[in-house]
Amino acid sequence: MSAPSITVRHLLEMKAEGRKISVLTSYDASLTRLMEVAEVEVLLVGDSLGMVVQGQESTLPVTLEEMIYHTRNVARARKHALLVADMPFMSYRTPELALESAGRLMKEGGAHMVKLEGGASQFEAIRRLTEQGIPVCGHLGLLPQSVHKLGGYRVQGREAERAEAIQKDALALQEAGIDMLVLECVPTQLAARITASLRVPVIGIGAGNQCDGQVLVVYDMLGLNPHPPRFVKDFLQSGGSILQALKGYVAAVRDGSFPGEEHSFK
């Protein structure tokens, strides 16, 4: 596994300098090669593969073995981007299991960072990983692995009490040692407050344009989802080719034109 040109330190510098970070999901070598040409900074092997690759109704059935397999496929083609792998449902239910799962994603899959969902309840697991030198990305707001608990795929943090809880969770995750945070489906103003309050980069998806960067599921932004979420833009429609669509996404993230108000929540 070669070292990434884009590192955690590089992402911190981008946040400090106000340069937007582009993130896309990737699950295979072919799209990864095109993303490298498009200069995407961060590749996320998301457990979203359960829905967009496997045809599952949620991310819950995805296994650690499957995540390792897809991460390894992306790692073979990756040259410069930072490679992040999702830790699948129930693979980090204890700090000990989290360490074992993350270790496998890095050692066998080639990931540079792992991502897990949840707030202060994940403090000990994150602390255990970071103490062992494993970079961690947190995930707050809409948590796909908790879709049954949340009652569906709904915007989170519109109520004052819930917004305060998400902000407190973000600070707790930073204290635990995360290197990056994904905020999904939260109001733009809440995402802006959290982004301003954290030292680490905040990546939004359905969280407005005040975050430090943006992430989308690549199949969504290529128009392959017949019922895309509101926060998605079809970049292939105007791009003409997959490579041009990827380049268009990176450019739109960098100049702040994506996401627009139509892709955000109040």
C-alpha atoms as a PDB file:
ATOM      1  CA  MET A   1       0.000   0.000   0.000  1.00  0.00           C
ATOM      2  CA  SER A   2       1.473   3.337  -1.056  1.00  0.00           C
ATOM      3  CA  ALA A   3       1.224   6.413   1.132  1.00  0.00           C
ATOM      4  CA  PRO A   4      -1.413   8.980   0.118  1.00  0.00           C
ATOM      5  CA  SER A   5      -0.459  12.393  -1.227  1.00  0.00           C
ATOM      6  CA  ILE A   6      -3.494  13.715   0.618  1.00  0.00           C
ATOM      7  CA  THR A   7      -2.969  13.194   4.348  1.00  0.00           C
ATOM      8  CA  VAL A   8      -4.807  14.114   7.528  1.00  0.00           C
ATOM      9  CA  ARG A   9      -2.427  17.047   7.926  1.00  0.00           C
ATOM     10  CA  HIS A  10      -3.204  18.165   4.373  1.00  0.00           C
ATOM     11  CA  LEU A  11      -6.945  18.173   5.117  1.00  0.00           C
ATOM     12  CA  LEU A  12      -6.356  20.245   8.261  1.00  0.00           C
ATOM     13  CA  GLU A  13      -4.414  22.748   6.163  1.00  0.00           C
ATOM     14  CA  MET A  14      -7.241  22.902   3.636  1.00  0.00           C
ATOM     15  CA  LYS A  15      -9.726  23.688   6.415  1.00  0.00           C
ATOM     16  CA  ALA A  16      -7.455  26.384   7.839  1.00  0.00           C
ATOM     17  CA  GLU A  17      -7.005  27.963   4.402  1.00  0.00           C
ATOM     18  CA  GLY A  18     -10.703  27.750   3.505  1.00  0.00           C
ATOM     19  CA  ARG A  19     -10.135  25.358   0.590  1.00  0.00           C
ATOM     20  CA  LYS A  20     -13.034  22.958   0.100  1.00  0.00           C
ATOM     21  CA  ILE A  21     -12.472  19.194   0.287  1.00  0.00           C
ATOM     22  CA  SER A  22     -14.095  16.926  -2.314  1.00  0.00           C
ATOM     23  CA  VAL A  23     -15.113  13.428  -1.222  1.00  0.00           C
ATOM     24  CA  LEU A  24     -16.821  10.673  -3.206  1.00  0.00           C
ATOM     25  CA  THR A  25     -17.697   7.089  -2.474  1.00  0.00           C
ATOM     26  CA  SER A  26     -15.905   4.439  -4.509  1.00  0.00           C
ATOM     27  CA  TYR A  27     -16.256   0.684  -4.513  1.00  0.00           C
ATOM     28  CA  ASP A  28     -14.100  -0.513  -7.417  1.00  0.00           C
ATOM     29  CA  ALA A  29     -10.866   0.083  -9.301  1.00  0.00           C
ATOM     30  CA  SER A  30     -12.346   1.493 -12.521  1.00  0.00           C
ATOM     31  CA  LEU A  31     -14.178   4.457 -10.992  1.00  0.00           C
ATOM     32  CA  THR A  32     -11.287   5.023  -8.587  1.00  0.00           C
ATOM     33  CA  ARG A  33      -8.906   5.580 -11.522  1.00  0.00           C
ATOM     34  CA  LEU A  34     -11.230   8.236 -12.939  1.00  0.00           C
ATOM     35  CA  MET A  35     -11.602   9.898  -9.528  1.00  0.00           C
ATOM     36  CA  GLU A  36      -7.824  10.141  -9.298  1.00  0.00           C
ATOM     37  CA  VAL A  37      -7.725  11.923 -12.666  1.00  0.00           C
ATOM     38  CA  ALA A  38     -10.462  14.263 -11.425  1.00  0.00           C
ATOM     39  CA  GLU A  39      -8.329  15.005  -8.312  1.00  0.00           C
ATOM     40  CA  VAL A  40     -10.880  13.957  -5.709  1.00  0.00           C
ATOM     41  CA  GLU A  41      -9.134  14.417  -2.348  1.00  0.00           C
ATOM     42  CA  VAL A  42     -10.849  11.675  -0.327  1.00  0.00           C
ATOM     43  CA  LEU A  43     -12.267   8.329  -1.445  1.00  0.00           C
ATOM     44  CA  LEU A  44     -14.836   6.758   0.870  1.00  0.00           C
ATOM     45  CA  VAL A  45     -15.566   3.064   0.590  1.00  0.00           C
ATOM     46  CA  GLY A  46     -19.025   3.435   2.068  1.00  0.00           C
ATOM     47  CA  ASP A  47     -21.250   0.730   3.435  1.00  0.00           C
ATOM     48  CA  SER A  48     -23.721   2.400   1.072  1.00  0.00           C
ATOM     49  CA  LEU A  49     -22.456  -0.329  -1.249  1.00  0.00           C
ATOM     50  CA  GLY A  50     -25.085  -2.521   0.397  1.00  0.00           C
ATOM     51  CA  MET A  51     -27.786  -0.456  -1.299  1.00  0.00           C
ATOM     52  CA  VAL A  52     -26.183   0.767  -4.537  1.00  0.00           C
ATOM     53  CA  VAL A  53     -24.060  -2.293  -5.391  1.00  0.00           C
ATOM     54  CA  GLN A  54     -25.800  -5.199  -3.672  1.00  0.00           C
ATOM     55  CA  GLY A  55     -29.399  -3.998  -3.937  1.00  0.00           C
ATOM     56  CA  GLN A  56     -30.113  -4.235  -0.208  1.00  0.00           C
ATOM     57  CA  GLU A  57     -32.805  -2.113   1.436  1.00  0.00           C
ATOM     58  CA  SER A  58     -30.312  -0.641   3.926  1.00  0.00           C
ATOM     59  CA  THR A  59     -26.636  -0.699   4.851  1.00  0.00           C
ATOM     60  CA  LEU A  60     -27.196  -3.108   7.743  1.00  0.00           C
ATOM     61  CA  PRO A  61     -26.487  -6.429   5.956  1.00  0.00           C
ATOM     62  CA  VAL A  62     -22.995  -5.368   4.804  1.00  0.00           C
ATOM     63  CA  THR A  63     -20.260  -7.465   6.416  1.00  0.00           C
ATOM     64  CA  LEU A  64     -16.724  -6.621   7.430  1.00  0.00           C
ATOM     65  CA  GLU A  65     -15.410  -9.117   4.876  1.00  0.00           C
ATOM     66  CA  GLU A  66     -17.304  -7.293   2.122  1.00  0.00           C
ATOM     67  CA  MET A  67     -15.957  -3.938   3.269  1.00  0.00           C
ATOM     68  CA  ILE A  68     -12.400  -5.295   3.234  1.00  0.00           C
ATOM     69  CA  TYR A  69     -12.937  -6.706  -0.272  1.00  0.00           C
ATOM     70  CA  HIS A  70     -14.183  -3.419  -1.747  1.00  0.00           C
ATOM     71  CA  THR A  71     -11.605  -1.339   0.117  1.00  0.00           C
ATOM     72  CA  ARG A  72      -8.844  -3.534  -1.307  1.00  0.00           C
ATOM     73  CA  ASN A  73     -10.250  -3.055  -4.834  1.00  0.00           C
ATOM     74  CA  VAL A  74     -10.158   0.725  -4.438  1.00  0.00           C
ATOM     75  CA  ALA A  75      -6.711   0.651  -2.801  1.00  0.00           C
ATOM     76  CA  ARG A  76      -5.197  -1.077  -5.833  1.00  0.00           C
ATOM     77  CA  ALA A  77      -6.178   1.818  -8.115  1.00  0.00           C
ATOM     78  CA  ARG A  78      -5.717   4.704  -5.668  1.00  0.00           C
ATOM     79  CA  LYS A  79      -2.629   6.864  -6.182  1.00  0.00           C
ATOM     80  CA  HIS A  80      -3.010  10.169  -4.355  1.00  0.00           C
ATOM     81  CA  ALA A  81      -6.333  10.382  -2.493  1.00  0.00           C
ATOM     82  CA  LEU A  82      -6.862   9.569   1.174  1.00  0.00           C
ATOM     83  CA  LEU A  83      -8.749   6.275   1.440  1.00  0.00           C
ATOM     84  CA  VAL A  84     -11.462   6.025   4.122  1.00  0.00           C
ATOM     85  CA  ALA A  85     -13.428   2.837   4.831  1.00  0.00           C
ATOM     86  CA  ASP A  86     -16.738   2.553   6.646  1.00  0.00           C
ATOM     87  CA  MET A  87     -16.902   0.224   9.615  1.00  0.00           C
ATOM     88  CA  PRO A  88     -20.092  -1.802   9.016  1.00  0.00           C
ATOM     89  CA  PHE A  89     -22.990  -2.292  11.400  1.00  0.00           C
ATOM     90  CA  MET A  90     -22.045  -4.045  14.672  1.00  0.00           C
ATOM     91  CA  SER A  91     -18.335  -4.168  13.803  1.00  0.00           C
ATOM     92  CA  TYR A  92     -17.473  -1.654  16.562  1.00  0.00           C
ATOM     93  CA  ARG A  93     -19.962  -2.485  19.309  1.00  0.00           C
ATOM     94  CA  THR A  94     -17.097  -2.694  21.850  1.00  0.00           C
ATOM     95  CA  PRO A  95     -13.751  -0.862  21.848  1.00  0.00           C
ATOM     96  CA  GLU A  96     -11.941  -4.203  21.512  1.00  0.00           C
ATOM     97  CA  LEU A  97     -13.998  -5.243  18.489  1.00  0.00           C
ATOM     98  CA  ALA A  98     -13.605  -1.771  16.975  1.00  0.00           C
ATOM     99  CA  LEU A  99      -9.830  -2.095  17.185  1.00  0.00           C
ATOM    100  CA  GLU A 100      -9.880  -5.527  15.568  1.00  0.00           C
ATOM    101  CA  SER A 101     -12.235  -4.421  12.770  1.00  0.00           C
ATOM    102  CA  ALA A 102     -10.367  -1.204  12.043  1.00  0.00           C
ATOM    103  CA  GLY A 103      -7.058  -3.041  12.058  1.00  0.00           C
ATOM    104  CA  ARG A 104      -8.327  -5.438   9.402  1.00  0.00           C
ATOM    105  CA  LEU A 105      -9.695  -2.623   7.225  1.00  0.00           C
ATOM    106  CA  MET A 106      -6.276  -0.986   7.275  1.00  0.00           C
ATOM    107  CA  LYS A 107      -4.030  -4.057   7.147  1.00  0.00           C
ATOM    108  CA  GLU A 108      -6.054  -6.209   4.726  1.00  0.00           C
ATOM    109  CA  GLY A 109      -8.057  -3.534   2.929  1.00  0.00           C
ATOM    110  CA  GLY A 110      -5.467  -0.791   2.644  1.00  0.00           C
ATOM    111  CA  ALA A 111      -7.549   1.975   4.268  1.00  0.00           C
ATOM    112  CA  HIS A 112      -5.835   5.066   5.649  1.00  0.00           C
ATOM    113  CA  MET A 113      -8.754   6.004   7.911  1.00  0.00           C
ATOM    114  CA  VAL A 114     -11.929   4.346   9.194  1.00  0.00           C
ATOM    115  CA  LYS A 115     -15.365   5.901   9.637  1.00  0.00           C
ATOM    116  CA  LEU A 116     -17.978   4.989  12.236  1.00  0.00           C
ATOM    117  CA  GLU A 117     -21.384   6.336  13.125  1.00  0.00           C
ATOM    118  CA  GLY A 118     -22.622   7.744  16.421  1.00  0.00           C
ATOM    119  CA  GLY A 119     -22.013  10.369  19.049  1.00  0.00           C
ATOM    120  CA  ALA A 120     -20.689  10.365  22.598  1.00  0.00           C
ATOM    121  CA  SER A 121     -21.592   6.689  22.974  1.00  0.00           C
ATOM    122  CA  GLN A 122     -18.688   5.911  20.642  1.00  0.00           C
ATOM    123  CA  PHE A 123     -16.183   7.889  22.719  1.00  0.00           C
ATOM    124  CA  GLU A 124     -14.339   4.874  24.145  1.00  0.00           C
ATOM    125  CA  ALA A 125     -14.168   3.052  20.822  1.00  0.00           C
ATOM    126  CA  ILE A 126     -12.756   6.124  19.070  1.00  0.00           C
ATOM    127  CA  ARG A 127     -10.296   6.753  21.893  1.00  0.00           C
ATOM    128  CA  ARG A 128      -9.078   3.143  21.648  1.00  0.00           C
ATOM    129  CA  LEU A 129      -8.517   3.475  17.901  1.00  0.00           C
ATOM    130  CA  THR A 130      -6.743   6.812  18.055  1.00  0.00           C
ATOM    131  CA  GLU A 131      -4.478   5.620  20.871  1.00  0.00           C
ATOM    132  CA  GLN A 132      -3.298   2.923  18.469  1.00  0.00           C
ATOM    133  CA  GLY A 133      -2.579   5.439  15.727  1.00  0.00           C
ATOM    134  CA  ILE A 134      -5.682   4.722  13.645  1.00  0.00           C
ATOM    135  CA  PRO A 135      -7.201   7.839  12.056  1.00  0.00           C
ATOM    136  CA  VAL A 136     -10.969   8.058  12.572  1.00  0.00           C
ATOM    137  CA  CYS A 137     -13.780   9.888  10.811  1.00  0.00           C
ATOM    138  CA  GLY A 138     -16.956  10.405  12.818  1.00  0.00           C
ATOM    139  CA  HIS A 139     -20.491  10.539  11.416  1.00  0.00           C
ATOM    140  CA  LEU A 140     -23.397  12.500  12.929  1.00  0.00           C
ATOM    141  CA  GLY A 141     -26.873  13.620  11.906  1.00  0.00           C
ATOM    142  CA  LEU A 142     -28.706  11.018   9.859  1.00  0.00           C
ATOM    143  CA  LEU A 143     -27.091   7.691  10.726  1.00  0.00           C
ATOM    144  CA  PRO A 144     -27.944   5.056   8.083  1.00  0.00           C
ATOM    145  CA  GLN A 145     -26.983   2.211  10.419  1.00  0.00           C
ATOM    146  CA  SER A 146     -29.585   3.516  12.907  1.00  0.00           C
ATOM    147  CA  VAL A 147     -32.348   3.995  10.341  1.00  0.00           C
ATOM    148  CA  HIS A 148     -34.809   1.797  12.248  1.00  0.00           C
ATOM    149  CA  LYS A 149     -34.189   3.681  15.496  1.00  0.00           C
ATOM    150  CA  LEU A 150     -34.548   7.047  13.746  1.00  0.00           C
ATOM    151  CA  GLY A 151     -37.765   6.007  12.032  1.00  0.00           C
ATOM    152  CA  GLY A 152     -36.487   6.339   8.479  1.00  0.00           C
ATOM    153  CA  TYR A 153     -34.230   8.598   6.428  1.00  0.00           C
ATOM    154  CA  ARG A 154     -35.201  11.963   7.913  1.00  0.00           C
ATOM    155  CA  VAL A 155     -33.494  15.317   8.461  1.00  0.00           C
ATOM    156  CA  GLN A 156     -31.940  15.499  11.926  1.00  0.00           C
ATOM    157  CA  GLY A 157     -31.456  18.523  14.190  1.00  0.00           C
ATOM    158  CA  ARG A 158     -34.390  20.745  13.273  1.00  0.00           C
ATOM    159  CA  GLU A 159     -35.579  20.809  16.879  1.00  0.00           C
ATOM    160  CA  ALA A 160     -33.471  22.964  19.234  1.00  0.00           C
ATOM    161  CA  GLU A 161     -32.893  20.136  21.704  1.00  0.00           C
ATOM    162  CA  ARG A 162     -31.776  17.702  19.008  1.00  0.00           C
ATOM    163  CA  ALA A 163     -29.553  20.330  17.380  1.00  0.00           C
ATOM    164  CA  GLU A 164     -27.822  20.961  20.704  1.00  0.00           C
ATOM    165  CA  ALA A 165     -27.312  17.234  21.204  1.00  0.00           C
ATOM    166  CA  ILE A 166     -25.668  16.855  17.783  1.00  0.00           C
ATOM    167  CA  GLN A 167     -23.377  19.808  18.465  1.00  0.00           C
ATOM    168  CA  LYS A 168     -22.360  18.348  21.844  1.00  0.00           C
ATOM    169  CA  ASP A 169     -21.718  14.995  20.193  1.00  0.00           C
ATOM    170  CA  ALA A 170     -19.470  16.682  17.627  1.00  0.00           C
ATOM    171  CA  LEU A 171     -17.350  18.240  20.373  1.00  0.00           C
ATOM    172  CA  ALA A 172     -17.232  14.913  22.231  1.00  0.00           C
ATOM    173  CA  LEU A 173     -16.000  13.120  19.108  1.00  0.00           C
ATOM    174  CA  GLN A 174     -13.307  15.745  18.637  1.00  0.00           C
ATOM    175  CA  GLU A 175     -12.207  15.251  22.231  1.00  0.00           C
ATOM    176  CA  ALA A 176     -12.083  11.493  21.601  1.00  0.00           C
ATOM    177  CA  GLY A 177      -9.648  12.140  18.780  1.00  0.00           C
ATOM    178  CA  ILE A 178     -11.458  12.090  15.422  1.00  0.00           C
ATOM    179  CA  ASP A 179      -9.583  13.518  12.436  1.00  0.00           C
ATOM    180  CA  MET A 180     -12.652  14.316  10.332  1.00  0.00           C
ATOM    181  CA  LEU A 181     -16.448  14.430  10.696  1.00  0.00           C
ATOM    182  CA  VAL A 182     -19.282  13.703   8.273  1.00  0.00           C
ATOM    183  CA  LEU A 183     -22.563  15.549   8.899  1.00  0.00           C
ATOM    184  CA  GLU A 184     -25.536  14.044   7.064  1.00  0.00           C
ATOM    185  CA  CYS A 185     -28.962  15.609   6.522  1.00  0.00           C
ATOM    186  CA  VAL A 186     -28.867  18.421   9.057  1.00  0.00           C
ATOM    187  CA  PRO A 187     -30.004  22.056   8.648  1.00  0.00           C
ATOM    188  CA  THR A 188     -27.477  24.370   7.015  1.00  0.00           C
ATOM    189  CA  GLN A 189     -27.206  26.689  10.029  1.00  0.00           C
ATOM    190  CA  LEU A 190     -26.503  23.815  12.422  1.00  0.00           C
ATOM    191  CA  ALA A 191     -23.827  22.431  10.103  1.00  0.00           C
ATOM    192  CA  ALA A 192     -22.252  25.883   9.852  1.00  0.00           C
ATOM    193  CA  ARG A 193     -22.080  26.219  13.661  1.00  0.00           C
ATOM    194  CA  ILE A 194     -20.527  22.798  14.082  1.00  0.00           C
ATOM    195  CA  THR A 195     -18.017  23.425  11.283  1.00  0.00           C
ATOM    196  CA  ALA A 196     -16.930  26.693  12.900  1.00  0.00           C
ATOM    197  CA  SER A 197     -16.622  25.108  16.350  1.00  0.00           C
ATOM    198  CA  LEU A 198     -14.394  22.176  15.360  1.00  0.00           C
ATOM    199  CA  ARG A 199     -10.684  22.071  14.603  1.00  0.00           C
ATOM    200  CA  VAL A 200     -11.099  19.050  12.329  1.00  0.00           C
ATOM    201  CA  PRO A 201     -12.592  19.170   8.817  1.00  0.00           C
ATOM    202  CA  VAL A 202     -16.364  18.739   8.560  1.00  0.00           C
ATOM    203  CA  ILE A 203     -17.697  17.072   5.411  1.00  0.00           C
ATOM    204  CA  GLY A 204     -21.344  17.624   4.577  1.00  0.00           C
ATOM    205  CA  ILE A 205     -23.927  15.559   2.737  1.00  0.00           C
ATOM    206  CA  GLY A 206     -27.267  17.307   2.743  1.00  0.00           C
ATOM    207  CA  ALA A 207     -25.783  19.768   5.253  1.00  0.00           C
ATOM    208  CA  GLY A 208     -25.429  22.968   3.240  1.00  0.00           C
ATOM    209  CA  ASN A 209     -22.421  24.695   1.735  1.00  0.00           C
ATOM    210  CA  GLN A 210     -20.793  26.024   4.904  1.00  0.00           C
ATOM    211  CA  CYS A 211     -19.005  22.741   5.676  1.00  0.00           C
ATOM    212  CA  ASP A 212     -15.308  22.271   4.895  1.00  0.00           C
ATOM    213  CA  GLY A 213     -16.129  19.819   2.119  1.00  0.00           C
ATOM    214  CA  GLN A 214     -18.816  17.674   0.527  1.00  0.00           C
ATOM    215  CA  VAL A 215     -19.427  13.974  -0.072  1.00  0.00           C
ATOM    216  CA  LEU A 216     -21.890  12.196  -2.342  1.00  0.00           C
ATOM    217  CA  VAL A 217     -22.504   8.601  -3.304  1.00  0.00           C
ATOM    218  CA  VAL A 218     -20.881   8.387  -6.734  1.00  0.00           C
ATOM    219  CA  TYR A 219     -23.768   6.467  -8.309  1.00  0.00           C
ATOM    220  CA  ASP A 220     -26.142   9.208  -7.121  1.00  0.00           C
ATOM    221  CA  MET A 221     -24.154  12.064  -8.653  1.00  0.00           C
ATOM    222  CA  LEU A 222     -23.869  10.082 -11.904  1.00  0.00           C
ATOM    223  CA  GLY A 223     -27.666   9.893 -12.145  1.00  0.00           C
ATOM    224  CA  LEU A 224     -27.946   6.141 -11.570  1.00  0.00           C
ATOM    225  CA  ASN A 225     -30.423   6.462  -8.697  1.00  0.00           C
ATOM    226  CA  PRO A 226     -33.989   6.755 -10.071  1.00  0.00           C
ATOM    227  CA  HIS A 227     -35.138   8.339  -6.799  1.00  0.00           C
ATOM    228  CA  PRO A 228     -32.199  10.448  -5.557  1.00  0.00           C
ATOM    229  CA  PRO A 229     -32.297  12.293  -2.235  1.00  0.00           C
ATOM    230  CA  ARG A 230     -32.907  16.036  -2.350  1.00  0.00           C
ATOM    231  CA  PHE A 231     -29.252  16.811  -1.616  1.00  0.00           C
ATOM    232  CA  VAL A 232     -28.017  15.082  -4.806  1.00  0.00           C
ATOM    233  CA  LYS A 233     -27.163  16.781  -8.084  1.00  0.00           C
ATOM    234  CA  ASP A 234     -26.811  14.769 -11.319  1.00  0.00           C
ATOM    235  CA  PHE A 235     -23.423  15.919 -12.626  1.00  0.00           C
ATOM    236  CA  LEU A 236     -23.458  13.499 -15.573  1.00  0.00           C
ATOM    237  CA  GLN A 237     -26.445  15.290 -17.096  1.00  0.00           C
ATOM    238  CA  SER A 238     -24.314  18.340 -17.814  1.00  0.00           C
ATOM    239  CA  GLY A 239     -20.905  16.674 -17.809  1.00  0.00           C
ATOM    240  CA  GLY A 240     -21.249  14.565 -20.937  1.00  0.00           C
ATOM    241  CA  SER A 241     -18.935  11.808 -19.702  1.00  0.00           C
ATOM    242  CA  ILE A 242     -18.237  10.148 -16.374  1.00  0.00           C
ATOM    243  CA  LEU A 243     -14.826  11.801 -16.142  1.00  0.00           C
ATOM    244  CA  GLN A 244     -16.262  15.231 -16.948  1.00  0.00           C
ATOM    245  CA  ALA A 245     -19.015  14.679 -14.377  1.00  0.00           C
ATOM    246  CA  LEU A 246     -16.425  13.849 -11.715  1.00  0.00           C
ATOM    247  CA  LYS A 247     -14.359  16.899 -12.656  1.00  0.00           C
ATOM    248  CA  GLY A 248     -17.505  19.025 -12.590  1.00  0.00           C
ATOM    249  CA  TYR A 249     -18.334  17.816  -9.087  1.00  0.00           C
ATOM    250  CA  VAL A 250     -14.827  18.601  -7.796  1.00  0.00           C
ATOM    251  CA  ALA A 251     -14.940  22.067  -9.375  1.00  0.00           C
ATOM    252  CA  ALA A 252     -18.402  22.805  -7.950  1.00  0.00           C
ATOM    253  CA  VAL A 253     -17.331  21.765  -4.459  1.00  0.00           C
ATOM    254  CA  ARG A 254     -14.180  23.868  -4.684  1.00  0.00           C
ATOM    255  CA  ASP A 255     -15.907  27.035  -5.889  1.00  0.00           C
ATOM    256  CA  GLY A 256     -18.828  26.612  -3.472  1.00  0.00           C
ATOM    257  CA  SER A 257     -21.537  26.381  -6.148  1.00  0.00           C
ATOM    258  CA  PHE A 258     -22.491  22.926  -4.866  1.00  0.00           C
ATOM    259  CA  PRO A 259     -24.507  22.393  -2.824  1.00  0.00           C
ATOM    260  CA  GLY A 260     -27.042  25.079  -3.614  1.00  0.00           C
ATOM    261  CA  GLU A 261     -30.078  25.941  -1.523  1.00  0.00           C
ATOM    262  CA  GLU A 262     -32.090  23.365  -3.452  1.00  0.00           C
ATOM    263  CA  HIS A 263     -29.757  20.647  -2.134  1.00  0.00           C
ATOM    264  CA  SER A 264     -29.916  21.832   1.483  1.00  0.00           C
ATOM    265  CA  PHE A 265     -32.273  21.869   4.461  1.00  0.00           C
ATOM    266  CA  LYS A 266     -33.499  24.619   6.789  1.00  0.00           C
END
